Amino acid sequence: MGASIEKPTENWRWVVLSASAPAVWGTTYIVTTQFLPPGYPIWSSVLRALPAGIIGLLICKQLPRGEWIWRSLIMAILNIGLWFPLLFVAAYRLPGGMASVLSACQPLFVIAFAWVLLYQSPSIWRVAWAIAGVVGVAVMVLASDSIFDPLGITAGILGTVSMALGIVMTKKWQRPTDGFTWAAWLLAWGGLLQLPMAILFEGTPPPQDLRSILGYAWLSIAGGLLTYWAWFTGLGKISAVSASFLPLLSPLVATLLGYLLLDELLTLPQWFGFLLCLTAIVLSQIAPPWGAAQTSLRGATRR
């Protein structure tokens, strides 16, 4: 099968809807460090996914059938079951900016997976802005006094790969139902899959107070059910590569929240990285300035 050339999206409504998800996900880092009890990454993942999934199932009143039982299970592992706990491990062990910097590599992973699984040959325009996004976020982190924790960095990278593959497989298999129901299935599956691991490795659930309850409620409803509804709905309308740039918003939001709420100062190089990352997100969604033609990495040209 010949490789097609992926196209920059022209429907900004779906881009904005999809972008709202990683923007909210960017609050995970400050909520984790400021609201949640420390030392419970797997339980935090369970309490984010499972309540949201149960609420979603009660609303949609629909369960997967036939081949979509195992397909939704696989998608739940990629998008929730692996991504959530790895995200919380990174969030607990790394500063907010560094924890999210690793997600900046996601466009490159998605481009590679889409090339192999969707036969989409990436445009040089998109690859260039993917690299620019990585450079921008890297500058934001390397210019700070962040501490490099090997386990946290490994968790962040593996989580990014898992979500990147989840994005591409969502496009490959499509979804058999609306975005809200699909989100409910995956969150419920993901929470159930992680529950035995939470009990085995972390014992009883973490102690709760009003502050932690508010934190988990935010991550579960706003950062779980609503954002995954927005993410999967938008992902059905835009390309996988277009969607892969949007998680770059997470480090931007995390950095801004640290600057505004935690008095984390930003140096001039960090502001440069911030603007470079934001530019990569926007320009990756539009056609290149030299016109409609796009050159792929294979040298093909589309007119």
C-alpha atoms as a PDB file:
ATOM      1  CA  MET A   1       0.000   0.000   0.000  1.00  0.00           C
ATOM      2  CA  GLY A   2       1.370   3.432  -0.939  1.00  0.00           C
ATOM      3  CA  ALA A   3       1.968   6.031   1.685  1.00  0.00           C
ATOM      4  CA  SER A   4      -0.320   9.035   1.717  1.00  0.00           C
ATOM      5  CA  ILE A   5       0.848  12.438   2.881  1.00  0.00           C
ATOM      6  CA  GLU A   6      -0.789  13.692   6.051  1.00  0.00           C
ATOM      7  CA  LYS A   7      -2.462  17.071   5.752  1.00  0.00           C
ATOM      8  CA  PRO A   8      -2.540  20.023   8.125  1.00  0.00           C
ATOM      9  CA  THR A   9      -6.035  20.369   9.464  1.00  0.00           C
ATOM     10  CA  GLU A  10      -8.285  23.216   8.354  1.00  0.00           C
ATOM     11  CA  ASN A  11     -11.061  22.786  10.910  1.00  0.00           C
ATOM     12  CA  TRP A  12     -10.029  24.875  13.885  1.00  0.00           C
ATOM     13  CA  ARG A  13     -13.179  24.070  15.832  1.00  0.00           C
ATOM     14  CA  TRP A  14     -12.047  20.480  16.292  1.00  0.00           C
ATOM     15  CA  VAL A  15      -8.472  21.550  16.940  1.00  0.00           C
ATOM     16  CA  VAL A  16      -9.604  23.851  19.760  1.00  0.00           C
ATOM     17  CA  LEU A  17     -11.850  21.139  21.236  1.00  0.00           C
ATOM     18  CA  SER A  18      -9.001  18.628  21.176  1.00  0.00           C
ATOM     19  CA  ALA A  19      -6.549  21.183  22.544  1.00  0.00           C
ATOM     20  CA  SER A  20      -8.694  21.773  25.620  1.00  0.00           C
ATOM     21  CA  ALA A  21      -7.756  18.283  26.841  1.00  0.00           C
ATOM     22  CA  PRO A  22      -3.949  18.632  27.071  1.00  0.00           C
ATOM     23  CA  ALA A  23      -4.406  22.173  28.393  1.00  0.00           C
ATOM     24  CA  VAL A  24      -6.328  20.752  31.362  1.00  0.00           C
ATOM     25  CA  TRP A  25      -3.886  17.824  31.635  1.00  0.00           C
ATOM     26  CA  GLY A  26      -1.195  20.442  32.215  1.00  0.00           C
ATOM     27  CA  THR A  27      -2.771  21.094  35.622  1.00  0.00           C
ATOM     28  CA  THR A  28      -1.974  17.518  36.690  1.00  0.00           C
ATOM     29  CA  TYR A  29       1.478  18.446  37.922  1.00  0.00           C
ATOM     30  CA  ILE A  30       0.497  21.309  40.217  1.00  0.00           C
ATOM     31  CA  VAL A  31      -2.586  19.442  41.480  1.00  0.00           C
ATOM     32  CA  THR A  32      -0.485  16.353  42.220  1.00  0.00           C
ATOM     33  CA  THR A  33       2.181  18.217  44.162  1.00  0.00           C
ATOM     34  CA  GLN A  34      -0.095  20.703  45.933  1.00  0.00           C
ATOM     35  CA  PHE A  35      -3.305  18.738  46.586  1.00  0.00           C
ATOM     36  CA  LEU A  36      -2.669  14.980  46.592  1.00  0.00           C
ATOM     37  CA  PRO A  37      -1.038  12.889  49.336  1.00  0.00           C
ATOM     38  CA  PRO A  38       2.533  12.004  48.294  1.00  0.00           C
ATOM     39  CA  GLY A  39       3.701   8.508  47.458  1.00  0.00           C
ATOM     40  CA  TYR A  40       0.593   7.046  45.799  1.00  0.00           C
ATOM     41  CA  PRO A  41       1.086   7.261  42.001  1.00  0.00           C
ATOM     42  CA  ILE A  42      -0.937   4.127  41.171  1.00  0.00           C
ATOM     43  CA  TRP A  43      -3.790   4.936  43.552  1.00  0.00           C
ATOM     44  CA  SER A  44      -3.841   8.470  42.161  1.00  0.00           C
ATOM     45  CA  SER A  45      -4.199   6.976  38.696  1.00  0.00           C
ATOM     46  CA  VAL A  46      -7.017   4.660  39.845  1.00  0.00           C
ATOM     47  CA  LEU A  47      -8.875   7.474  41.590  1.00  0.00           C
ATOM     48  CA  ARG A  48      -8.576   9.597  38.480  1.00  0.00           C
ATOM     49  CA  ALA A  49      -9.800   6.966  36.027  1.00  0.00           C
ATOM     50  CA  LEU A  50     -12.245   4.631  37.764  1.00  0.00           C
ATOM     51  CA  PRO A  51     -14.753   7.156  39.218  1.00  0.00           C
ATOM     52  CA  ALA A  52     -14.817   9.012  35.897  1.00  0.00           C
ATOM     53  CA  GLY A  53     -15.392   5.751  34.012  1.00  0.00           C
ATOM     54  CA  ILE A  54     -18.209   4.649  36.328  1.00  0.00           C
ATOM     55  CA  ILE A  55     -19.944   8.028  36.071  1.00  0.00           C
ATOM     56  CA  GLY A  56     -19.577   7.925  32.297  1.00  0.00           C
ATOM     57  CA  LEU A  57     -21.031   4.414  32.071  1.00  0.00           C
ATOM     58  CA  LEU A  58     -24.005   5.415  34.234  1.00  0.00           C
ATOM     59  CA  ILE A  59     -24.690   8.289  31.846  1.00  0.00           C
ATOM     60  CA  CYS A  60     -24.196   6.510  28.510  1.00  0.00           C
ATOM     61  CA  LYS A  61     -25.649   3.142  29.661  1.00  0.00           C
ATOM     62  CA  GLN A  62     -23.711   1.275  26.995  1.00  0.00           C
ATOM     63  CA  LEU A  63     -21.004  -1.404  27.156  1.00  0.00           C
ATOM     64  CA  PRO A  64     -18.606  -2.605  24.438  1.00  0.00           C
ATOM     65  CA  ARG A  65     -19.660  -5.672  22.456  1.00  0.00           C
ATOM     66  CA  GLY A  66     -18.015  -8.220  20.190  1.00  0.00           C
ATOM     67  CA  GLU A  67     -14.521  -7.365  19.012  1.00  0.00           C
ATOM     68  CA  TRP A  68     -14.760  -3.985  20.719  1.00  0.00           C
ATOM     69  CA  ILE A  69     -14.432  -5.662  24.103  1.00  0.00           C
ATOM     70  CA  TRP A  70     -10.797  -6.576  23.465  1.00  0.00           C
ATOM     71  CA  ARG A  71     -10.122  -3.561  21.266  1.00  0.00           C
ATOM     72  CA  SER A  72     -11.359  -1.160  23.921  1.00  0.00           C
ATOM     73  CA  LEU A  73      -9.261  -3.086  26.464  1.00  0.00           C
ATOM     74  CA  ILE A  74      -6.108  -2.590  24.389  1.00  0.00           C
ATOM     75  CA  MET A  75      -6.927   1.077  23.859  1.00  0.00           C
ATOM     76  CA  ALA A  76      -7.552   1.480  27.586  1.00  0.00           C
ATOM     77  CA  ILE A  77      -4.123   0.019  28.335  1.00  0.00           C
ATOM     78  CA  LEU A  78      -2.411   2.439  25.937  1.00  0.00           C
ATOM     79  CA  ASN A  79      -4.411   5.574  26.759  1.00  0.00           C
ATOM     80  CA  ILE A  80      -5.158   5.025  30.463  1.00  0.00           C
ATOM     81  CA  GLY A  81      -3.692   1.872  32.014  1.00  0.00           C
ATOM     82  CA  LEU A  82      -0.076   2.696  31.167  1.00  0.00           C
ATOM     83  CA  TRP A  83      -0.283   6.437  30.569  1.00  0.00           C
ATOM     84  CA  PHE A  84      -1.930   7.433  33.861  1.00  0.00           C
ATOM     85  CA  PRO A  85       0.392   5.644  36.338  1.00  0.00           C
ATOM     86  CA  LEU A  86       3.500   6.596  34.368  1.00  0.00           C
ATOM     87  CA  LEU A  87       2.280  10.193  34.295  1.00  0.00           C
ATOM     88  CA  PHE A  88       1.826  10.232  38.065  1.00  0.00           C
ATOM     89  CA  VAL A  89       5.230   8.622  38.669  1.00  0.00           C
ATOM     90  CA  ALA A  90       6.767  11.399  36.567  1.00  0.00           C
ATOM     91  CA  ALA A  91       4.653  14.053  38.289  1.00  0.00           C
ATOM     92  CA  TYR A  92       5.645  12.840  41.767  1.00  0.00           C
ATOM     93  CA  ARG A  93       9.354  12.535  40.989  1.00  0.00           C
ATOM     94  CA  LEU A  94      10.000  15.477  38.653  1.00  0.00           C
ATOM     95  CA  PRO A  95       9.271  19.207  38.683  1.00  0.00           C
ATOM     96  CA  GLY A  96       6.203  20.177  36.655  1.00  0.00           C
ATOM     97  CA  GLY A  97       8.108  21.563  33.695  1.00  0.00           C
ATOM     98  CA  MET A  98      10.437  18.584  33.417  1.00  0.00           C
ATOM     99  CA  ALA A  99       7.639  16.085  33.997  1.00  0.00           C
ATOM    100  CA  SER A 100       5.834  17.479  30.983  1.00  0.00           C
ATOM    101  CA  VAL A 101       8.881  18.130  28.787  1.00  0.00           C
ATOM    102  CA  LEU A 102       8.998  14.466  27.838  1.00  0.00           C
ATOM    103  CA  SER A 103       5.555  14.775  26.227  1.00  0.00           C
ATOM    104  CA  ALA A 104       7.145  17.174  23.753  1.00  0.00           C
ATOM    105  CA  CYS A 105       8.623  14.148  21.970  1.00  0.00           C
ATOM    106  CA  GLN A 106       5.133  12.801  21.313  1.00  0.00           C
ATOM    107  CA  PRO A 107       4.727  14.306  17.798  1.00  0.00           C
ATOM    108  CA  LEU A 108       7.876  12.496  16.673  1.00  0.00           C
ATOM    109  CA  PHE A 109       6.624   9.187  18.077  1.00  0.00           C
ATOM    110  CA  VAL A 110       3.202   9.696  16.463  1.00  0.00           C
ATOM    111  CA  ILE A 111       4.786  10.592  13.128  1.00  0.00           C
ATOM    112  CA  ALA A 112       6.778   7.331  13.244  1.00  0.00           C
ATOM    113  CA  PHE A 113       3.794   5.193  14.310  1.00  0.00           C
ATOM    114  CA  ALA A 114       1.510   6.841  11.728  1.00  0.00           C
ATOM    115  CA  TRP A 115       4.057   6.171   8.996  1.00  0.00           C
ATOM    116  CA  VAL A 116       4.183   2.468   9.899  1.00  0.00           C
ATOM    117  CA  LEU A 117       0.557   1.776  10.898  1.00  0.00           C
ATOM    118  CA  LEU A 118      -1.466   4.327   8.912  1.00  0.00           C
ATOM    119  CA  TYR A 119       0.835   4.555   5.876  1.00  0.00           C
ATOM    120  CA  GLN A 120       0.972   8.337   6.259  1.00  0.00           C
ATOM    121  CA  SER A 121       4.240   9.754   5.017  1.00  0.00           C
ATOM    122  CA  PRO A 122       4.946  12.818   7.171  1.00  0.00           C
ATOM    123  CA  SER A 123       5.567  16.207   5.611  1.00  0.00           C
ATOM    124  CA  ILE A 124       8.880  17.917   6.212  1.00  0.00           C
ATOM    125  CA  TRP A 125       6.868  20.890   7.527  1.00  0.00           C
ATOM    126  CA  ARG A 126       5.376  18.776  10.300  1.00  0.00           C
ATOM    127  CA  VAL A 127       8.642  17.047  11.178  1.00  0.00           C
ATOM    128  CA  ALA A 128      10.418  20.405  11.414  1.00  0.00           C
ATOM    129  CA  TRP A 129       7.841  21.799  13.835  1.00  0.00           C
ATOM    130  CA  ALA A 130       7.880  18.585  15.844  1.00  0.00           C
ATOM    131  CA  ILE A 131      11.613  19.039  16.355  1.00  0.00           C
ATOM    132  CA  ALA A 132      11.060  22.725  17.150  1.00  0.00           C
ATOM    133  CA  GLY A 133       8.545  21.751  19.828  1.00  0.00           C
ATOM    134  CA  VAL A 134      11.034  19.388  21.446  1.00  0.00           C
ATOM    135  CA  VAL A 135      13.725  22.081  21.374  1.00  0.00           C
ATOM    136  CA  GLY A 136      11.347  24.675  22.819  1.00  0.00           C
ATOM    137  CA  VAL A 137      10.295  22.586  25.791  1.00  0.00           C
ATOM    138  CA  ALA A 138      13.836  21.308  26.322  1.00  0.00           C
ATOM    139  CA  VAL A 139      15.087  24.900  26.557  1.00  0.00           C
ATOM    140  CA  MET A 140      12.384  25.650  29.128  1.00  0.00           C
ATOM    141  CA  VAL A 141      13.598  22.799  31.323  1.00  0.00           C
ATOM    142  CA  LEU A 142      17.355  22.862  30.775  1.00  0.00           C
ATOM    143  CA  ALA A 143      17.421  26.574  31.586  1.00  0.00           C
ATOM    144  CA  SER A 144      15.908  25.841  34.995  1.00  0.00           C
ATOM    145  CA  ASP A 145      17.361  24.221  38.110  1.00  0.00           C
ATOM    146  CA  SER A 146      15.459  20.969  37.571  1.00  0.00           C
ATOM    147  CA  ILE A 147      16.793  17.764  39.096  1.00  0.00           C
ATOM    148  CA  PHE A 148      17.134  14.824  36.709  1.00  0.00           C
ATOM    149  CA  ASP A 149      15.530  11.776  38.320  1.00  0.00           C
ATOM    150  CA  PRO A 150      16.197   8.653  36.161  1.00  0.00           C
ATOM    151  CA  LEU A 151      13.028   6.810  37.222  1.00  0.00           C
ATOM    152  CA  GLY A 152      10.857   9.865  36.662  1.00  0.00           C
ATOM    153  CA  ILE A 153      12.385  10.493  33.238  1.00  0.00           C
ATOM    154  CA  THR A 154      11.965   6.835  32.222  1.00  0.00           C
ATOM    155  CA  ALA A 155       8.326   6.896  33.311  1.00  0.00           C
ATOM    156  CA  GLY A 156       7.729  10.091  31.357  1.00  0.00           C
ATOM    157  CA  ILE A 157       9.240   8.669  28.169  1.00  0.00           C
ATOM    158  CA  LEU A 158       7.345   5.365  28.387  1.00  0.00           C
ATOM    159  CA  GLY A 159       4.104   7.216  29.084  1.00  0.00           C
ATOM    160  CA  THR A 160       4.652   9.425  26.049  1.00  0.00           C
ATOM    161  CA  VAL A 161       5.261   6.393  23.814  1.00  0.00           C
ATOM    162  CA  SER A 162       2.136   4.691  25.178  1.00  0.00           C
ATOM    163  CA  MET A 163      -0.083   7.687  24.495  1.00  0.00           C
ATOM    164  CA  ALA A 164       1.458   8.226  21.045  1.00  0.00           C
ATOM    165  CA  LEU A 165       0.641   4.646  20.066  1.00  0.00           C
ATOM    166  CA  GLY A 166      -2.826   5.106  21.555  1.00  0.00           C
ATOM    167  CA  ILE A 167      -3.432   8.133  19.316  1.00  0.00           C
ATOM    168  CA  VAL A 168      -2.419   6.250  16.182  1.00  0.00           C
ATOM    169  CA  MET A 169      -4.395   3.113  17.040  1.00  0.00           C
ATOM    170  CA  THR A 170      -7.461   5.264  17.735  1.00  0.00           C
ATOM    171  CA  LYS A 171      -7.210   6.518  14.150  1.00  0.00           C
ATOM    172  CA  LYS A 172      -6.479   3.054  12.754  1.00  0.00           C
ATOM    173  CA  TRP A 173      -9.386   1.265  14.416  1.00  0.00           C
ATOM    174  CA  GLN A 174     -11.721   4.259  14.642  1.00  0.00           C
ATOM    175  CA  ARG A 175     -14.288   4.087  17.417  1.00  0.00           C
ATOM    176  CA  PRO A 176     -17.686   2.370  17.187  1.00  0.00           C
ATOM    177  CA  THR A 177     -19.555   4.957  19.240  1.00  0.00           C
ATOM    178  CA  ASP A 178     -19.542   8.615  20.270  1.00  0.00           C
ATOM    179  CA  GLY A 179     -16.578  10.211  22.004  1.00  0.00           C
ATOM    180  CA  PHE A 180     -18.217  10.358  25.442  1.00  0.00           C
ATOM    181  CA  THR A 181     -19.102   6.658  25.511  1.00  0.00           C
ATOM    182  CA  TRP A 182     -15.664   5.732  24.193  1.00  0.00           C
ATOM    183  CA  ALA A 183     -14.033   7.813  26.932  1.00  0.00           C
ATOM    184  CA  ALA A 184     -16.207   6.129  29.574  1.00  0.00           C
ATOM    185  CA  TRP A 185     -15.226   2.650  28.342  1.00  0.00           C
ATOM    186  CA  LEU A 186     -11.521   3.405  28.386  1.00  0.00           C
ATOM    187  CA  LEU A 187     -11.551   5.145  31.759  1.00  0.00           C
ATOM    188  CA  ALA A 188     -13.516   2.302  33.359  1.00  0.00           C
ATOM    189  CA  TRP A 189     -11.242  -0.337  31.827  1.00  0.00           C
ATOM    190  CA  GLY A 190      -8.145   1.634  32.784  1.00  0.00           C
ATOM    191  CA  GLY A 191      -9.242   2.089  36.382  1.00  0.00           C
ATOM    192  CA  LEU A 192     -10.132  -1.582  36.796  1.00  0.00           C
ATOM    193  CA  LEU A 193      -6.821  -2.718  35.313  1.00  0.00           C
ATOM    194  CA  GLN A 194      -4.841  -0.576  37.729  1.00  0.00           C
ATOM    195  CA  LEU A 195      -6.853  -1.414  40.855  1.00  0.00           C
ATOM    196  CA  PRO A 196      -5.082  -4.751  41.609  1.00  0.00           C
ATOM    197  CA  MET A 197      -1.677  -3.111  41.070  1.00  0.00           C
ATOM    198  CA  ALA A 198      -2.590  -0.284  43.445  1.00  0.00           C
ATOM    199  CA  ILE A 199      -3.609  -2.741  46.168  1.00  0.00           C
ATOM    200  CA  LEU A 200      -0.553  -4.954  45.597  1.00  0.00           C
ATOM    201  CA  PHE A 201       2.110  -2.247  45.494  1.00  0.00           C
ATOM    202  CA  GLU A 202       0.621   0.580  47.567  1.00  0.00           C
ATOM    203  CA  GLY A 203      -1.768  -1.177  49.949  1.00  0.00           C
ATOM    204  CA  THR A 204      -4.834   0.684  51.136  1.00  0.00           C
ATOM    205  CA  PRO A 205      -6.028   3.881  49.415  1.00  0.00           C
ATOM    206  CA  PRO A 206      -4.316   7.115  50.478  1.00  0.00           C
ATOM    207  CA  PRO A 207      -5.764   9.085  53.407  1.00  0.00           C
ATOM    208  CA  GLN A 208      -8.207  11.756  52.312  1.00  0.00           C
ATOM    209  CA  ASP A 209      -8.997  15.275  53.436  1.00  0.00           C
ATOM    210  CA  LEU A 210     -10.966  18.046  51.752  1.00  0.00           C
ATOM    211  CA  ARG A 211      -7.927  19.232  49.827  1.00  0.00           C
ATOM    212  CA  SER A 212      -7.133  15.819  48.346  1.00  0.00           C
ATOM    213  CA  ILE A 213     -10.805  15.130  47.584  1.00  0.00           C
ATOM    214  CA  LEU A 214     -10.986  18.359  45.593  1.00  0.00           C
ATOM    215  CA  GLY A 215      -7.770  17.432  43.799  1.00  0.00           C
ATOM    216  CA  TYR A 216      -8.984  13.968  42.836  1.00  0.00           C
ATOM    217  CA  ALA A 217     -12.389  15.351  41.807  1.00  0.00           C
ATOM    218  CA  TRP A 218     -10.715  17.833  39.466  1.00  0.00           C
ATOM    219  CA  LEU A 219      -8.435  15.215  37.932  1.00  0.00           C
ATOM    220  CA  SER A 220     -11.260  12.675  37.553  1.00  0.00           C
ATOM    221  CA  ILE A 221     -14.065  14.847  36.159  1.00  0.00           C
ATOM    222  CA  ALA A 222     -12.337  17.773  34.463  1.00  0.00           C
ATOM    223  CA  GLY A 223      -9.030  16.011  33.792  1.00  0.00           C
ATOM    224  CA  GLY A 224     -10.584  12.634  33.008  1.00  0.00           C
ATOM    225  CA  LEU A 225     -14.140  12.258  31.756  1.00  0.00           C
ATOM    226  CA  LEU A 226     -14.644  15.691  30.169  1.00  0.00           C
ATOM    227  CA  THR A 227     -11.197  16.029  28.662  1.00  0.00           C
ATOM    228  CA  TYR A 228     -11.168  12.516  27.224  1.00  0.00           C
ATOM    229  CA  TRP A 229     -14.589  13.161  25.707  1.00  0.00           C
ATOM    230  CA  ALA A 230     -13.147  16.306  24.083  1.00  0.00           C
ATOM    231  CA  TRP A 231      -9.941  14.508  23.069  1.00  0.00           C
ATOM    232  CA  PHE A 232     -11.552  11.495  21.411  1.00  0.00           C
ATOM    233  CA  THR A 233     -14.284  13.580  19.773  1.00  0.00           C
ATOM    234  CA  GLY A 234     -11.724  15.923  18.263  1.00  0.00           C
ATOM    235  CA  LEU A 235      -9.380  13.086  17.342  1.00  0.00           C
ATOM    236  CA  GLY A 236     -12.139  11.660  15.166  1.00  0.00           C
ATOM    237  CA  LYS A 237     -12.072  14.857  13.083  1.00  0.00           C
ATOM    238  CA  ILE A 238      -8.373  15.725  12.788  1.00  0.00           C
ATOM    239  CA  SER A 239      -5.323  13.709  11.804  1.00  0.00           C
ATOM    240  CA  ALA A 240      -3.248  11.779  14.297  1.00  0.00           C
ATOM    241  CA  VAL A 241      -0.203  13.947  13.608  1.00  0.00           C
ATOM    242  CA  SER A 242      -2.211  17.165  14.050  1.00  0.00           C
ATOM    243  CA  ALA A 243      -3.465  15.871  17.389  1.00  0.00           C
ATOM    244  CA  SER A 244       0.019  14.833  18.487  1.00  0.00           C
ATOM    245  CA  PHE A 245       1.216  18.447  18.633  1.00  0.00           C
ATOM    246  CA  LEU A 246      -1.546  19.521  21.001  1.00  0.00           C
ATOM    247  CA  PRO A 247      -0.101  17.812  24.134  1.00  0.00           C
ATOM    248  CA  LEU A 248       2.690  20.389  23.880  1.00  0.00           C
ATOM    249  CA  LEU A 249       0.150  22.610  25.625  1.00  0.00           C
ATOM    250  CA  SER A 250       0.631  20.580  28.810  1.00  0.00           C
ATOM    251  CA  PRO A 251       4.163  21.822  29.561  1.00  0.00           C
ATOM    252  CA  LEU A 252       3.095  25.356  28.658  1.00  0.00           C
ATOM    253  CA  VAL A 253       0.187  25.253  31.105  1.00  0.00           C
ATOM    254  CA  ALA A 254       2.330  23.573  33.766  1.00  0.00           C
ATOM    255  CA  THR A 255       5.003  26.236  33.364  1.00  0.00           C
ATOM    256  CA  LEU A 256       2.512  29.112  33.467  1.00  0.00           C
ATOM    257  CA  LEU A 257       0.834  27.735  36.584  1.00  0.00           C
ATOM    258  CA  GLY A 258       4.199  27.397  38.276  1.00  0.00           C
ATOM    259  CA  TYR A 259       5.026  30.972  37.310  1.00  0.00           C
ATOM    260  CA  LEU A 260       1.667  32.421  38.387  1.00  0.00           C
ATOM    261  CA  LEU A 261       0.865  30.343  41.469  1.00  0.00           C
ATOM    262  CA  LEU A 262       4.135  28.984  42.824  1.00  0.00           C
ATOM    263  CA  ASP A 263       6.362  31.999  42.151  1.00  0.00           C
ATOM    264  CA  GLU A 264       8.603  29.976  39.843  1.00  0.00           C
ATOM    265  CA  LEU A 265      10.641  32.535  37.923  1.00  0.00           C
ATOM    266  CA  LEU A 266      11.246  32.158  34.181  1.00  0.00           C
ATOM    267  CA  THR A 267      14.519  33.195  32.603  1.00  0.00           C
ATOM    268  CA  LEU A 268      14.818  34.779  29.170  1.00  0.00           C
ATOM    269  CA  PRO A 269      15.818  31.448  27.542  1.00  0.00           C
ATOM    270  CA  GLN A 270      12.773  29.815  29.137  1.00  0.00           C
ATOM    271  CA  TRP A 271      10.473  32.474  27.688  1.00  0.00           C
ATOM    272  CA  PHE A 272      12.119  31.847  24.296  1.00  0.00           C
ATOM    273  CA  GLY A 273      11.446  28.118  24.637  1.00  0.00           C
ATOM    274  CA  PHE A 274       7.874  28.843  25.686  1.00  0.00           C
ATOM    275  CA  LEU A 275       7.224  30.972  22.579  1.00  0.00           C
ATOM    276  CA  LEU A 276       8.964  28.459  20.294  1.00  0.00           C
ATOM    277  CA  CYS A 277       6.784  25.660  21.646  1.00  0.00           C
ATOM    278  CA  LEU A 278       3.614  27.725  21.235  1.00  0.00           C
ATOM    279  CA  THR A 279       4.631  28.620  17.673  1.00  0.00           C
ATOM    280  CA  ALA A 280       5.181  24.938  16.858  1.00  0.00           C
ATOM    281  CA  ILE A 281       1.680  24.060  18.078  1.00  0.00           C
ATOM    282  CA  VAL A 282       0.008  26.734  15.943  1.00  0.00           C
ATOM    283  CA  LEU A 283       2.046  26.472  12.739  1.00  0.00           C
ATOM    284  CA  SER A 284       1.904  22.674  12.700  1.00  0.00           C
ATOM    285  CA  GLN A 285      -1.859  22.979  12.174  1.00  0.00           C
ATOM    286  CA  ILE A 286      -1.676  25.095   9.003  1.00  0.00           C
ATOM    287  CA  ALA A 287      -0.362  24.592   5.489  1.00  0.00           C
ATOM    288  CA  PRO A 288       3.220  25.682   4.765  1.00  0.00           C
ATOM    289  CA  PRO A 289       3.645  29.250   3.459  1.00  0.00           C
ATOM    290  CA  TRP A 290       4.926  28.118   0.074  1.00  0.00           C
ATOM    291  CA  GLY A 291       1.456  27.012  -0.995  1.00  0.00           C
ATOM    292  CA  ALA A 292      -0.630  23.863  -1.186  1.00  0.00           C
ATOM    293  CA  ALA A 293       2.209  21.567  -2.140  1.00  0.00           C
ATOM    294  CA  GLN A 294       3.843  19.608   0.653  1.00  0.00           C
ATOM    295  CA  THR A 295       6.969  17.549   0.372  1.00  0.00           C
ATOM    296  CA  SER A 296       7.041  14.340   2.339  1.00  0.00           C
ATOM    297  CA  LEU A 297      10.111  12.632   3.717  1.00  0.00           C
ATOM    298  CA  ARG A 298       9.923  10.266   0.748  1.00  0.00           C
ATOM    299  CA  GLY A 299      10.175  13.183  -1.641  1.00  0.00           C
ATOM    300  CA  ALA A 300       6.564  12.914  -2.815  1.00  0.00           C
ATOM    301  CA  THR A 301       4.682  16.099  -3.631  1.00  0.00           C
ATOM    302  CA  ARG A 302       0.955  16.653  -3.212  1.00  0.00           C
ATOM    303  CA  ARG A 303      -0.900  19.226  -5.303  1.00  0.00           C
END
